[in-house]
Amino acid sequence: MGSPLAEASWNGVEGAFYTGAGGAEPLWLFISIGLCVFALVAGLIHEGHSYRKAKRGE
């Protein structure tokens, strides 16, 4: 299985190539932080309801 490119090598590459530079990384960071906080709060609320339900003997 060969490469369809005439010269498929990394010889001409200089430096790092990062496609996300200057992009939306902060947006995705804050979205992921928000989802984690939401999951924590939802879990705490659910545990509180379950604890009160178990305490009543239901």
Protein backbone atom coordinates (compact mmCIF):
# COMPACT_ATOMS: atom_id res chain seq x y z
CA MET A 1 0.00 0.00 0.00
CA GLY A 2 1.80 3.05 -1.22
CA SER A 3 0.92 6.70 -0.93
CA PRO A 4 -0.87 8.39 -3.82
CA LEU A 5 1.28 11.47 -3.28
CA ALA A 6 4.40 11.88 -5.36
CA GLU A 7 6.55 12.78 -2.36
CA ALA A 8 4.93 11.61 0.87
CA SER A 9 7.46 12.52 3.55
CA TRP A 10 7.88 14.89 6.45
CA ASN A 11 11.15 16.29 5.11
CA GLY A 12 9.74 19.72 4.22
CA VAL A 13 7.86 20.27 7.48
CA GLU A 14 9.20 23.06 9.66
CA GLY A 15 7.87 23.74 13.14
CA ALA A 16 4.60 22.75 14.72
CA PHE A 17 1.30 22.93 12.92
CA TYR A 18 -1.62 23.36 15.29
CA THR A 19 -4.96 23.88 13.58
CA GLY A 20 -6.73 25.04 16.71
CA ALA A 21 -4.53 28.04 17.46
CA GLY A 22 -6.67 31.11 18.00
CA GLY A 23 -9.83 29.08 17.71
CA ALA A 24 -12.63 28.11 20.01
CA GLU A 25 -10.73 26.26 22.75
CA PRO A 26 -11.94 28.61 25.53
CA LEU A 27 -15.52 28.08 24.36
CA TRP A 28 -15.22 24.29 24.56
CA LEU A 29 -13.41 24.56 27.90
CA PHE A 30 -16.25 26.57 29.44
CA ILE A 31 -18.88 24.30 27.90
CA SER A 32 -17.18 21.24 29.42
CA ILE A 33 -16.82 22.97 32.80
CA GLY A 34 -20.50 23.91 32.67
CA LEU A 35 -21.52 20.34 31.87
CA CYS A 36 -19.45 19.02 34.76
CA VAL A 37 -20.99 21.54 37.19
CA PHE A 38 -24.46 20.70 35.87
CA ALA A 39 -23.85 16.97 36.41
CA LEU A 40 -22.61 17.63 39.94
CA VAL A 41 -25.60 19.80 40.87
CA ALA A 42 -28.09 17.39 39.27
CA GLY A 43 -26.49 14.49 41.15
CA LEU A 44 -26.63 16.35 44.45
CA ILE A 45 -30.31 17.20 43.93
CA HIS A 46 -31.14 13.61 43.00
CA GLU A 47 -29.27 12.25 46.01
CA GLY A 48 -31.14 14.66 48.29
CA HIS A 49 -34.49 13.52 46.93
CA SER A 50 -33.48 9.84 47.22
CA TYR A 51 -32.24 10.33 50.79
CA ARG A 52 -35.48 11.99 51.87
CA LYS A 53 -37.52 9.27 50.13
CA ALA A 54 -35.52 6.50 51.87
CA LYS A 55 -35.85 8.27 55.22
CA ARG A 56 -39.65 8.32 54.86
CA GLY A 57 -39.58 4.57 54.14
CA GLU A 58 -41.02 4.65 50.65
